[in-house]
């Protein structure tokens, strides 16, 4: 199927985990049945994509409109919202992503943020004085016995659930898909019951993709439904949170804390008040970092390349209308 195909590798990858050796590995996998073009130059990318059947990387609208033969795009990363413009959604071009492969490091980062808040690490780092120990002790939490709500029970949500159970937490989750309830989750509900679950939860972890249904999902109404003093963690997309209500909920104390790897309106300026709030820990969108990530991406792409050539179903296919 792929005998005379052209594979365009958009090598201006946004992920530092993808290195030149990975591009070389991809070219070696494609050798013999695909012409491989590797470029990070926008003008050449627009020229080469015109007759490419496969693209690896982020294909934005301007580039997509120049494509005439494109059949499959493999995104580099799990978040594919930058590519969900109308022309791509309505096309027959297959979109695959890294979904299902990022759960481990995103879940570990979620717990790093959570433990930083519950064990007072943020205060110890901001106020490096021995005298802070009594204030830290007075506000320390144990995770054992607390209730955690996961918003989005995909690969990341499942990894969070497994770790939460290991900490002795009660785990609730919402997801729009009819999933089989895993042993680590006590209650799996549809999104219309989110408010009910928020009222019970000491910790809420956002693990959902950014879609029209999740954009600004955490609004003033949702924050009002959250249990007073609860903690919000976000490791997927900042725009799932509405900024002004978040700041208001933190300032009022209704929200006890927030751990944000992805923030509404990112990148945050140095003057942004969220940086300086004592109840907030922010990391600059680094939860996806892992020394194993580049190898996983290439392994998946090479497997999909083999499947594409053989006319088999691809792994990690995105429903473009749903956005995941």
C-alpha atoms as a PDB file:
ATOM      1  CA  UNK A   1       0.000   0.000   0.000  1.00  0.00           C
ATOM      2  CA  UNK A   2       2.826   2.311   0.879  1.00  0.00           C
ATOM      3  CA  UNK A   3       5.236   1.270  -1.912  1.00  0.00           C
ATOM      4  CA  UNK A   4       5.528   4.678  -3.561  1.00  0.00           C
ATOM      5  CA  UNK A   5       4.370   6.821  -0.667  1.00  0.00           C
ATOM      6  CA  UNK A   6       6.143   9.888   0.597  1.00  0.00           C
ATOM      7  CA  UNK A   7       6.642  10.314   4.336  1.00  0.00           C
ATOM      8  CA  UNK A   8       7.185  13.889   5.482  1.00  0.00           C
ATOM      9  CA  UNK A   9       8.870  14.192   8.876  1.00  0.00           C
ATOM     10  CA  UNK A  10       8.257  17.672  10.296  1.00  0.00           C
ATOM     11  CA  UNK A  11      11.438  17.712  12.326  1.00  0.00           C
ATOM     12  CA  UNK A  12      10.760  20.964  14.178  1.00  0.00           C
ATOM     13  CA  UNK A  13       9.364  18.770  16.954  1.00  0.00           C
ATOM     14  CA  UNK A  14       8.115  20.569  20.043  1.00  0.00           C
ATOM     15  CA  UNK A  15       9.330  17.710  22.270  1.00  0.00           C
ATOM     16  CA  UNK A  16      12.980  17.669  23.386  1.00  0.00           C
ATOM     17  CA  UNK A  17      12.631  13.935  24.062  1.00  0.00           C
ATOM     18  CA  UNK A  18      12.648  13.357  20.285  1.00  0.00           C
ATOM     19  CA  UNK A  19      16.255  13.477  19.184  1.00  0.00           C
ATOM     20  CA  UNK A  20      18.019  13.248  15.789  1.00  0.00           C
ATOM     21  CA  UNK A  21      18.664   9.537  16.361  1.00  0.00           C
ATOM     22  CA  UNK A  22      14.901   9.000  16.490  1.00  0.00           C
ATOM     23  CA  UNK A  23      14.468  10.643  13.087  1.00  0.00           C
ATOM     24  CA  UNK A  24      17.192   8.368  11.742  1.00  0.00           C
ATOM     25  CA  UNK A  25      15.398   5.349  13.227  1.00  0.00           C
ATOM     26  CA  UNK A  26      12.134   6.375  11.527  1.00  0.00           C
ATOM     27  CA  UNK A  27      13.897   6.762   8.181  1.00  0.00           C
ATOM     28  CA  UNK A  28      15.408   3.290   8.591  1.00  0.00           C
ATOM     29  CA  UNK A  29      11.965   1.797   9.316  1.00  0.00           C
ATOM     30  CA  UNK A  30      10.507   3.419   6.203  1.00  0.00           C
ATOM     31  CA  UNK A  31      13.372   2.483   3.908  1.00  0.00           C
ATOM     32  CA  UNK A  32      12.367   0.444   0.899  1.00  0.00           C
ATOM     33  CA  UNK A  33       8.698   1.373   0.743  1.00  0.00           C
ATOM     34  CA  UNK A  34       8.511   5.108   1.519  1.00  0.00           C
ATOM     35  CA  UNK A  35      10.424   8.106   0.292  1.00  0.00           C
ATOM     36  CA  UNK A  36      11.349   9.970   3.448  1.00  0.00           C
ATOM     37  CA  UNK A  37      11.746  13.744   3.555  1.00  0.00           C
ATOM     38  CA  UNK A  38      12.918  15.347   6.796  1.00  0.00           C
ATOM     39  CA  UNK A  39      12.771  19.113   7.171  1.00  0.00           C
ATOM     40  CA  UNK A  40      12.173  21.809   9.758  1.00  0.00           C
ATOM     41  CA  UNK A  41      11.910  24.599   7.158  1.00  0.00           C
ATOM     42  CA  UNK A  42       8.323  25.923   6.754  1.00  0.00           C
ATOM     43  CA  UNK A  43       8.655  26.741   3.047  1.00  0.00           C
ATOM     44  CA  UNK A  44      10.006  23.313   2.194  1.00  0.00           C
ATOM     45  CA  UNK A  45       7.379  21.654   4.383  1.00  0.00           C
ATOM     46  CA  UNK A  46       4.628  23.379   2.383  1.00  0.00           C
ATOM     47  CA  UNK A  47       6.208  22.217  -0.872  1.00  0.00           C
ATOM     48  CA  UNK A  48       6.811  18.630   0.245  1.00  0.00           C
ATOM     49  CA  UNK A  49       3.440  18.010   1.860  1.00  0.00           C
ATOM     50  CA  UNK A  50       1.696  18.583  -1.478  1.00  0.00           C
ATOM     51  CA  UNK A  51       2.362  14.982  -2.568  1.00  0.00           C
ATOM     52  CA  UNK A  52       2.988  13.340   0.823  1.00  0.00           C
ATOM     53  CA  UNK A  53       0.684  10.560   1.973  1.00  0.00           C
ATOM     54  CA  UNK A  54       2.056  10.413   5.528  1.00  0.00           C
ATOM     55  CA  UNK A  55       3.163  13.169   7.887  1.00  0.00           C
ATOM     56  CA  UNK A  56       4.787  12.884  11.300  1.00  0.00           C
ATOM     57  CA  UNK A  57       4.428  15.949  13.484  1.00  0.00           C
ATOM     58  CA  UNK A  58       1.967  18.796  13.982  1.00  0.00           C
ATOM     59  CA  UNK A  59       0.196  19.655  10.734  1.00  0.00           C
ATOM     60  CA  UNK A  60      -1.341  23.076  11.201  1.00  0.00           C
ATOM     61  CA  UNK A  61      -4.076  24.461   8.977  1.00  0.00           C
ATOM     62  CA  UNK A  62      -1.867  26.338   6.492  1.00  0.00           C
ATOM     63  CA  UNK A  63       0.200  23.213   5.916  1.00  0.00           C
ATOM     64  CA  UNK A  64      -2.833  20.942   5.696  1.00  0.00           C
ATOM     65  CA  UNK A  65      -4.440  23.103   3.013  1.00  0.00           C
ATOM     66  CA  UNK A  66      -1.336  22.583   0.837  1.00  0.00           C
ATOM     67  CA  UNK A  67      -1.688  18.775   1.015  1.00  0.00           C
ATOM     68  CA  UNK A  68      -3.265  16.949  -1.929  1.00  0.00           C
ATOM     69  CA  UNK A  69      -2.535  13.262  -1.208  1.00  0.00           C
ATOM     70  CA  UNK A  70      -2.368  13.131   2.577  1.00  0.00           C
ATOM     71  CA  UNK A  71      -3.882   9.986   4.111  1.00  0.00           C
ATOM     72  CA  UNK A  72      -2.447   9.758   7.615  1.00  0.00           C
ATOM     73  CA  UNK A  73      -0.934  12.128  10.186  1.00  0.00           C
ATOM     74  CA  UNK A  74       0.844  10.820  13.279  1.00  0.00           C
ATOM     75  CA  UNK A  75       0.920  13.546  15.925  1.00  0.00           C
ATOM     76  CA  UNK A  76       3.988  13.877  18.100  1.00  0.00           C
ATOM     77  CA  UNK A  77       2.393  14.071  21.527  1.00  0.00           C
ATOM     78  CA  UNK A  78      -0.955  13.183  23.062  1.00  0.00           C
ATOM     79  CA  UNK A  79      -2.609  16.604  22.744  1.00  0.00           C
ATOM     80  CA  UNK A  80      -3.964  17.092  19.230  1.00  0.00           C
ATOM     81  CA  UNK A  81      -6.257  20.114  19.691  1.00  0.00           C
ATOM     82  CA  UNK A  82      -4.058  22.415  17.499  1.00  0.00           C
ATOM     83  CA  UNK A  83      -4.923  20.187  14.530  1.00  0.00           C
ATOM     84  CA  UNK A  84      -8.675  20.026  15.029  1.00  0.00           C
ATOM     85  CA  UNK A  85      -9.603  22.712  12.522  1.00  0.00           C
ATOM     86  CA  UNK A  86     -12.703  22.178  10.350  1.00  0.00           C
ATOM     87  CA  UNK A  87     -10.931  21.115   7.149  1.00  0.00           C
ATOM     88  CA  UNK A  88      -9.020  18.345   8.904  1.00  0.00           C
ATOM     89  CA  UNK A  89     -12.031  17.187  10.919  1.00  0.00           C
ATOM     90  CA  UNK A  90     -14.158  16.902   7.758  1.00  0.00           C
ATOM     91  CA  UNK A  91     -11.444  15.128   5.766  1.00  0.00           C
ATOM     92  CA  UNK A  92     -10.796  11.391   5.416  1.00  0.00           C
ATOM     93  CA  UNK A  93      -7.228  11.808   6.673  1.00  0.00           C
ATOM     94  CA  UNK A  94      -6.527   9.518   9.634  1.00  0.00           C
ATOM     95  CA  UNK A  95      -5.102  11.145  12.754  1.00  0.00           C
ATOM     96  CA  UNK A  96      -3.195   9.105  15.319  1.00  0.00           C
ATOM     97  CA  UNK A  97      -1.490  10.293  18.470  1.00  0.00           C
ATOM     98  CA  UNK A  98       0.527   9.252  21.480  1.00  0.00           C
ATOM     99  CA  UNK A  99      -2.611   8.737  23.564  1.00  0.00           C
ATOM    100  CA  UNK A 100      -2.282   5.902  26.015  1.00  0.00           C
ATOM    101  CA  UNK A 101       1.504   6.288  26.269  1.00  0.00           C
ATOM    102  CA  UNK A 102       1.826   9.363  28.510  1.00  0.00           C
ATOM    103  CA  UNK A 103      -0.101   8.173  31.551  1.00  0.00           C
ATOM    104  CA  UNK A 104       2.887   7.146  33.644  1.00  0.00           C
ATOM    105  CA  UNK A 105       4.764  10.436  33.676  1.00  0.00           C
ATOM    106  CA  UNK A 106       1.651  12.641  33.780  1.00  0.00           C
ATOM    107  CA  UNK A 107       0.275  10.684  36.737  1.00  0.00           C
ATOM    108  CA  UNK A 108       3.586  10.854  38.598  1.00  0.00           C
ATOM    109  CA  UNK A 109       3.694  14.601  37.999  1.00  0.00           C
ATOM    110  CA  UNK A 110       0.129  14.982  39.259  1.00  0.00           C
ATOM    111  CA  UNK A 111       1.148  13.362  42.523  1.00  0.00           C
ATOM    112  CA  UNK A 112       4.303  15.451  42.737  1.00  0.00           C
ATOM    113  CA  UNK A 113       2.113  18.568  42.603  1.00  0.00           C
ATOM    114  CA  UNK A 114      -0.407  17.113  45.048  1.00  0.00           C
ATOM    115  CA  UNK A 115       2.196  16.024  47.597  1.00  0.00           C
ATOM    116  CA  UNK A 116       3.957  19.363  47.259  1.00  0.00           C
ATOM    117  CA  UNK A 117       0.741  21.002  48.415  1.00  0.00           C
ATOM    118  CA  UNK A 118      -0.353  18.510  51.071  1.00  0.00           C
ATOM    119  CA  UNK A 119       3.081  18.179  52.679  1.00  0.00           C
ATOM    120  CA  UNK A 120       4.006  21.871  52.623  1.00  0.00           C
ATOM    121  CA  UNK A 121       6.878  21.631  50.159  1.00  0.00           C
ATOM    122  CA  UNK A 122       5.807  24.790  48.363  1.00  0.00           C
ATOM    123  CA  UNK A 123       6.079  26.806  51.585  1.00  0.00           C
ATOM    124  CA  UNK A 124       9.394  25.258  52.575  1.00  0.00           C
ATOM    125  CA  UNK A 125      10.874  26.184  49.194  1.00  0.00           C
ATOM    126  CA  UNK A 126       9.423  29.696  49.135  1.00  0.00           C
ATOM    127  CA  UNK A 127      10.368  30.454  52.741  1.00  0.00           C
ATOM    128  CA  UNK A 128      13.693  28.693  53.404  1.00  0.00           C
ATOM    129  CA  UNK A 129      13.633  29.286  57.168  1.00  0.00           C
ATOM    130  CA  UNK A 130      13.581  26.706  59.963  1.00  0.00           C
ATOM    131  CA  UNK A 131      10.792  28.647  61.655  1.00  0.00           C
ATOM    132  CA  UNK A 132       8.255  27.628  58.984  1.00  0.00           C
ATOM    133  CA  UNK A 133       8.131  24.093  60.363  1.00  0.00           C
ATOM    134  CA  UNK A 134       5.253  24.717  62.766  1.00  0.00           C
ATOM    135  CA  UNK A 135       3.096  26.383  60.110  1.00  0.00           C
ATOM    136  CA  UNK A 136       3.830  23.525  57.714  1.00  0.00           C
ATOM    137  CA  UNK A 137       2.989  20.909  60.332  1.00  0.00           C
ATOM    138  CA  UNK A 138      -0.275  22.686  61.144  1.00  0.00           C
ATOM    139  CA  UNK A 139      -1.491  22.462  57.532  1.00  0.00           C
ATOM    140  CA  UNK A 140      -0.128  19.069  56.465  1.00  0.00           C
ATOM    141  CA  UNK A 141      -2.559  16.507  55.036  1.00  0.00           C
ATOM    142  CA  UNK A 142      -2.487  12.723  54.696  1.00  0.00           C
ATOM    143  CA  UNK A 143      -3.797  11.313  51.418  1.00  0.00           C
ATOM    144  CA  UNK A 144      -4.950   8.093  53.061  1.00  0.00           C
ATOM    145  CA  UNK A 145      -8.733   8.158  53.362  1.00  0.00           C
ATOM    146  CA  UNK A 146      -9.283  11.224  51.167  1.00  0.00           C
ATOM    147  CA  UNK A 147     -11.543  11.188  48.108  1.00  0.00           C
ATOM    148  CA  UNK A 148     -10.038  11.935  44.694  1.00  0.00           C
ATOM    149  CA  UNK A 149     -12.077  12.674  41.571  1.00  0.00           C
ATOM    150  CA  UNK A 150     -10.565  12.091  38.136  1.00  0.00           C
ATOM    151  CA  UNK A 151     -11.953  14.085  35.220  1.00  0.00           C
ATOM    152  CA  UNK A 152     -11.229  11.971  32.130  1.00  0.00           C
ATOM    153  CA  UNK A 153     -10.476   8.282  32.626  1.00  0.00           C
ATOM    154  CA  UNK A 154      -8.186   7.688  29.650  1.00  0.00           C
ATOM    155  CA  UNK A 155      -4.612   6.442  29.963  1.00  0.00           C
ATOM    156  CA  UNK A 156      -3.579   9.289  32.268  1.00  0.00           C
ATOM    157  CA  UNK A 157      -6.709   9.019  34.381  1.00  0.00           C
ATOM    158  CA  UNK A 158      -6.227   5.275  34.837  1.00  0.00           C
ATOM    159  CA  UNK A 159      -2.613   5.800  35.889  1.00  0.00           C
ATOM    160  CA  UNK A 160      -3.723   8.444  38.418  1.00  0.00           C
ATOM    161  CA  UNK A 161      -6.409   6.078  39.764  1.00  0.00           C
ATOM    162  CA  UNK A 162      -3.908   3.268  40.330  1.00  0.00           C
ATOM    163  CA  UNK A 163      -1.569   5.554  42.239  1.00  0.00           C
ATOM    164  CA  UNK A 164      -4.384   7.091  44.253  1.00  0.00           C
ATOM    165  CA  UNK A 165      -5.533   3.659  45.407  1.00  0.00           C
ATOM    166  CA  UNK A 166      -1.961   2.837  46.419  1.00  0.00           C
ATOM    167  CA  UNK A 167      -2.083   5.923  48.667  1.00  0.00           C
ATOM    168  CA  UNK A 168      -5.299   4.622  50.260  1.00  0.00           C
ATOM    169  CA  UNK A 169      -7.563   7.153  48.560  1.00  0.00           C
ATOM    170  CA  UNK A 170     -11.178   6.640  47.521  1.00  0.00           C
ATOM    171  CA  UNK A 171     -11.334   7.200  43.764  1.00  0.00           C
ATOM    172  CA  UNK A 172     -14.247   8.608  41.747  1.00  0.00           C
ATOM    173  CA  UNK A 173     -14.142   9.368  38.028  1.00  0.00           C
ATOM    174  CA  UNK A 174     -16.161  10.895  35.197  1.00  0.00           C
ATOM    175  CA  UNK A 175     -15.798  10.134  31.518  1.00  0.00           C
ATOM    176  CA  UNK A 176     -18.090  10.597  28.505  1.00  0.00           C
ATOM    177  CA  UNK A 177     -17.331   7.143  27.105  1.00  0.00           C
ATOM    178  CA  UNK A 178     -19.055   3.876  28.210  1.00  0.00           C
ATOM    179  CA  UNK A 179     -15.936   2.442  29.836  1.00  0.00           C
ATOM    180  CA  UNK A 180     -15.564  -0.694  31.892  1.00  0.00           C
ATOM    181  CA  UNK A 181     -15.107   0.366  35.506  1.00  0.00           C
ATOM    182  CA  UNK A 182     -11.583  -0.552  36.678  1.00  0.00           C
ATOM    183  CA  UNK A 183     -10.993  -2.045  40.159  1.00  0.00           C
ATOM    184  CA  UNK A 184      -9.145   1.114  41.250  1.00  0.00           C
ATOM    185  CA  UNK A 185     -12.262   3.292  40.757  1.00  0.00           C
ATOM    186  CA  UNK A 186     -15.153   3.099  43.231  1.00  0.00           C
ATOM    187  CA  UNK A 187     -17.576   5.149  41.130  1.00  0.00           C
ATOM    188  CA  UNK A 188     -17.439   5.828  37.379  1.00  0.00           C
ATOM    189  CA  UNK A 189     -20.014   8.381  36.252  1.00  0.00           C
ATOM    190  CA  UNK A 190     -21.025  10.316  33.160  1.00  0.00           C
ATOM    191  CA  UNK A 191     -20.152  14.034  32.936  1.00  0.00           C
ATOM    192  CA  UNK A 192     -23.685  15.110  33.921  1.00  0.00           C
ATOM    193  CA  UNK A 193     -22.877  13.848  37.444  1.00  0.00           C
ATOM    194  CA  UNK A 194     -19.643  15.819  37.772  1.00  0.00           C
ATOM    195  CA  UNK A 195     -21.152  18.309  40.226  1.00  0.00           C
ATOM    196  CA  UNK A 196     -22.268  15.478  42.505  1.00  0.00           C
ATOM    197  CA  UNK A 197     -18.756  14.008  42.545  1.00  0.00           C
ATOM    198  CA  UNK A 198     -17.068  17.369  43.064  1.00  0.00           C
ATOM    199  CA  UNK A 199     -19.090  17.921  46.239  1.00  0.00           C
ATOM    200  CA  UNK A 200     -17.560  14.753  47.721  1.00  0.00           C
ATOM    201  CA  UNK A 201     -13.958  15.201  46.586  1.00  0.00           C
ATOM    202  CA  UNK A 202     -10.968  16.452  48.547  1.00  0.00           C
ATOM    203  CA  UNK A 203      -8.810  16.373  45.406  1.00  0.00           C
ATOM    204  CA  UNK A 204      -9.804  16.810  41.747  1.00  0.00           C
ATOM    205  CA  UNK A 205      -7.362  15.840  38.981  1.00  0.00           C
ATOM    206  CA  UNK A 206      -7.966  17.003  35.411  1.00  0.00           C
ATOM    207  CA  UNK A 207      -6.828  14.295  32.983  1.00  0.00           C
ATOM    208  CA  UNK A 208      -9.105  15.180  30.054  1.00  0.00           C
ATOM    209  CA  UNK A 209      -8.218  16.406  26.552  1.00  0.00           C
ATOM    210  CA  UNK A 210      -9.216  19.891  25.415  1.00  0.00           C
ATOM    211  CA  UNK A 211     -12.442  19.634  23.409  1.00  0.00           C
ATOM    212  CA  UNK A 212     -15.453  21.926  22.916  1.00  0.00           C
ATOM    213  CA  UNK A 213     -17.097  20.098  25.854  1.00  0.00           C
ATOM    214  CA  UNK A 214     -14.126  20.485  28.217  1.00  0.00           C
ATOM    215  CA  UNK A 215     -13.016  24.032  27.362  1.00  0.00           C
ATOM    216  CA  UNK A 216     -13.688  26.156  30.466  1.00  0.00           C
ATOM    217  CA  UNK A 217     -15.368  23.155  32.091  1.00  0.00           C
ATOM    218  CA  UNK A 218     -14.077  24.451  35.415  1.00  0.00           C
ATOM    219  CA  UNK A 219     -16.087  27.652  35.583  1.00  0.00           C
ATOM    220  CA  UNK A 220     -17.418  29.651  38.533  1.00  0.00           C
ATOM    221  CA  UNK A 221     -20.307  27.177  38.738  1.00  0.00           C
ATOM    222  CA  UNK A 222     -17.956  24.198  38.983  1.00  0.00           C
ATOM    223  CA  UNK A 223     -15.729  25.842  41.575  1.00  0.00           C
ATOM    224  CA  UNK A 224     -18.824  26.572  43.676  1.00  0.00           C
ATOM    225  CA  UNK A 225     -19.690  22.856  43.535  1.00  0.00           C
ATOM    226  CA  UNK A 226     -16.253  21.803  44.763  1.00  0.00           C
ATOM    227  CA  UNK A 227     -15.824  20.839  48.394  1.00  0.00           C
ATOM    228  CA  UNK A 228     -14.532  23.814  50.442  1.00  0.00           C
ATOM    229  CA  UNK A 229     -10.783  23.561  50.915  1.00  0.00           C
ATOM    230  CA  UNK A 230     -10.307  20.985  48.157  1.00  0.00           C
ATOM    231  CA  UNK A 231      -7.317  20.884  45.806  1.00  0.00           C
ATOM    232  CA  UNK A 232      -7.362  21.060  41.995  1.00  0.00           C
ATOM    233  CA  UNK A 233      -4.605  19.446  39.906  1.00  0.00           C
ATOM    234  CA  UNK A 234      -4.275  19.926  36.125  1.00  0.00           C
ATOM    235  CA  UNK A 235      -1.741  18.005  34.018  1.00  0.00           C
ATOM    236  CA  UNK A 236      -3.423  18.014  30.588  1.00  0.00           C
ATOM    237  CA  UNK A 237      -4.776  21.327  29.241  1.00  0.00           C
ATOM    238  CA  UNK A 238      -4.938  24.706  30.959  1.00  0.00           C
ATOM    239  CA  UNK A 239      -7.922  25.970  28.976  1.00  0.00           C
ATOM    240  CA  UNK A 240     -10.139  23.392  30.670  1.00  0.00           C
ATOM    241  CA  UNK A 241     -10.023  25.876  33.565  1.00  0.00           C
ATOM    242  CA  UNK A 242     -11.566  29.329  33.325  1.00  0.00           C
ATOM    243  CA  UNK A 243      -8.966  31.737  34.635  1.00  0.00           C
ATOM    244  CA  UNK A 244     -10.885  34.427  36.521  1.00  0.00           C
ATOM    245  CA  UNK A 245     -13.027  31.995  38.564  1.00  0.00           C
ATOM    246  CA  UNK A 246      -9.899  29.993  39.432  1.00  0.00           C
ATOM    247  CA  UNK A 247      -8.152  33.063  40.818  1.00  0.00           C
ATOM    248  CA  UNK A 248     -11.307  34.106  42.676  1.00  0.00           C
ATOM    249  CA  UNK A 249     -11.767  30.651  44.234  1.00  0.00           C
ATOM    250  CA  UNK A 250      -8.141  30.602  45.394  1.00  0.00           C
ATOM    251  CA  UNK A 251      -8.249  34.127  46.809  1.00  0.00           C
ATOM    252  CA  UNK A 252     -11.480  33.451  48.702  1.00  0.00           C
ATOM    253  CA  UNK A 253     -10.058  30.243  50.162  1.00  0.00           C
ATOM    254  CA  UNK A 254     -12.933  28.154  48.821  1.00  0.00           C
ATOM    255  CA  UNK A 255     -10.317  26.323  46.780  1.00  0.00           C
ATOM    256  CA  UNK A 256      -7.655  25.129  49.166  1.00  0.00           C
ATOM    257  CA  UNK A 257      -4.921  24.856  46.576  1.00  0.00           C
ATOM    258  CA  UNK A 258      -4.018  24.223  42.961  1.00  0.00           C
ATOM    259  CA  UNK A 259      -1.212  22.299  41.306  1.00  0.00           C
ATOM    260  CA  UNK A 260      -0.936  23.402  37.701  1.00  0.00           C
ATOM    261  CA  UNK A 261       1.370  22.000  35.070  1.00  0.00           C
ATOM    262  CA  UNK A 262      -0.932  23.446  32.435  1.00  0.00           C
ATOM    263  CA  UNK A 263      -2.432  26.842  33.188  1.00  0.00           C
ATOM    264  CA  UNK A 264      -5.194  28.943  31.618  1.00  0.00           C
ATOM    265  CA  UNK A 265      -3.565  31.516  29.356  1.00  0.00           C
ATOM    266  CA  UNK A 266      -0.140  29.866  29.308  1.00  0.00           C
ATOM    267  CA  UNK A 267       2.642  30.741  29.013  1.00  0.00           C
ATOM    268  CA  UNK A 268       2.182  32.759  32.198  1.00  0.00           C
ATOM    269  CA  UNK A 269       4.054  36.036  32.424  1.00  0.00           C
ATOM    270  CA  UNK A 270       6.505  36.545  35.277  1.00  0.00           C
ATOM    271  CA  UNK A 271       4.047  39.059  36.767  1.00  0.00           C
ATOM    272  CA  UNK A 272       1.112  36.656  36.862  1.00  0.00           C
ATOM    273  CA  UNK A 273      -0.350  36.523  40.400  1.00  0.00           C
ATOM    274  CA  UNK A 274      -0.740  32.737  40.237  1.00  0.00           C
ATOM    275  CA  UNK A 275       3.037  32.355  40.612  1.00  0.00           C
ATOM    276  CA  UNK A 276       2.972  34.109  43.985  1.00  0.00           C
ATOM    277  CA  UNK A 277      -0.083  32.511  45.611  1.00  0.00           C
ATOM    278  CA  UNK A 278       0.973  30.458  48.626  1.00  0.00           C
ATOM    279  CA  UNK A 279      -1.633  27.791  47.875  1.00  0.00           C
ATOM    280  CA  UNK A 280      -0.487  27.257  44.272  1.00  0.00           C
ATOM    281  CA  UNK A 281       2.329  25.225  42.719  1.00  0.00           C
ATOM    282  CA  UNK A 282       3.016  25.835  39.024  1.00  0.00           C
ATOM    283  CA  UNK A 283       5.342  23.913  36.748  1.00  0.00           C
ATOM    284  CA  UNK A 284       5.852  25.186  33.172  1.00  0.00           C
ATOM    285  CA  UNK A 285       4.104  22.422  31.176  1.00  0.00           C
ATOM    286  CA  UNK A 286       6.735  19.780  31.868  1.00  0.00           C
ATOM    287  CA  UNK A 287       4.626  16.821  33.046  1.00  0.00           C
ATOM    288  CA  UNK A 288       5.170  15.127  29.687  1.00  0.00           C
ATOM    289  CA  UNK A 289       8.902  14.853  30.259  1.00  0.00           C
ATOM    290  CA  UNK A 290      10.376  11.360  30.388  1.00  0.00           C
ATOM    291  CA  UNK A 291      13.683   9.907  29.178  1.00  0.00           C
ATOM    292  CA  UNK A 292      11.648   7.046  27.684  1.00  0.00           C
ATOM    293  CA  UNK A 293       9.183   9.173  25.774  1.00  0.00           C
ATOM    294  CA  UNK A 294      11.094   9.572  22.522  1.00  0.00           C
ATOM    295  CA  UNK A 295      11.645   5.827  22.253  1.00  0.00           C
ATOM    296  CA  UNK A 296       7.950   5.162  22.869  1.00  0.00           C
ATOM    297  CA  UNK A 297       6.876   7.635  20.181  1.00  0.00           C
ATOM    298  CA  UNK A 298       9.185   6.098  17.592  1.00  0.00           C
ATOM    299  CA  UNK A 299       8.195   2.555  18.530  1.00  0.00           C
ATOM    300  CA  UNK A 300       4.523   3.474  18.055  1.00  0.00           C
ATOM    301  CA  UNK A 301       5.137   5.261  14.758  1.00  0.00           C
ATOM    302  CA  UNK A 302       7.202   2.419  13.315  1.00  0.00           C
ATOM    303  CA  UNK A 303       4.519  -0.084  14.331  1.00  0.00           C
ATOM    304  CA  UNK A 304       1.863   2.102  12.699  1.00  0.00           C
ATOM    305  CA  UNK A 305       4.011   2.483   9.596  1.00  0.00           C
ATOM    306  CA  UNK A 306       4.156  -1.304   9.297  1.00  0.00           C
ATOM    307  CA  UNK A 307       0.376  -1.507   9.797  1.00  0.00           C
ATOM    308  CA  UNK A 308      -0.251   1.249   7.231  1.00  0.00           C
ATOM    309  CA  UNK A 309       1.812  -0.602   4.652  1.00  0.00           C
ATOM    310  CA  UNK A 310      -0.074  -3.843   5.400  1.00  0.00           C
ATOM    311  CA  UNK A 311      -3.511  -2.180   5.294  1.00  0.00           C
ATOM    312  CA  UNK A 312      -4.139  -2.917   8.990  1.00  0.00           C
ATOM    313  CA  UNK A 313      -5.819  -0.740  11.627  1.00  0.00           C
ATOM    314  CA  UNK A 314      -3.534   1.831  13.238  1.00  0.00           C
ATOM    315  CA  UNK A 315      -2.926   2.276  16.955  1.00  0.00           C
ATOM    316  CA  UNK A 316      -3.880   5.486  18.753  1.00  0.00           C
ATOM    317  CA  UNK A 317      -6.515   6.624  16.239  1.00  0.00           C
ATOM    318  CA  UNK A 318      -8.266   9.880  17.161  1.00  0.00           C
ATOM    319  CA  UNK A 319     -11.970  10.457  16.664  1.00  0.00           C
ATOM    320  CA  UNK A 320     -11.540  13.924  15.186  1.00  0.00           C
ATOM    321  CA  UNK A 321     -15.093  14.991  15.940  1.00  0.00           C
ATOM    322  CA  UNK A 322     -14.812  14.034  19.593  1.00  0.00           C
ATOM    323  CA  UNK A 323     -11.254  15.335  19.897  1.00  0.00           C
ATOM    324  CA  UNK A 324      -9.758  12.223  21.513  1.00  0.00           C
END
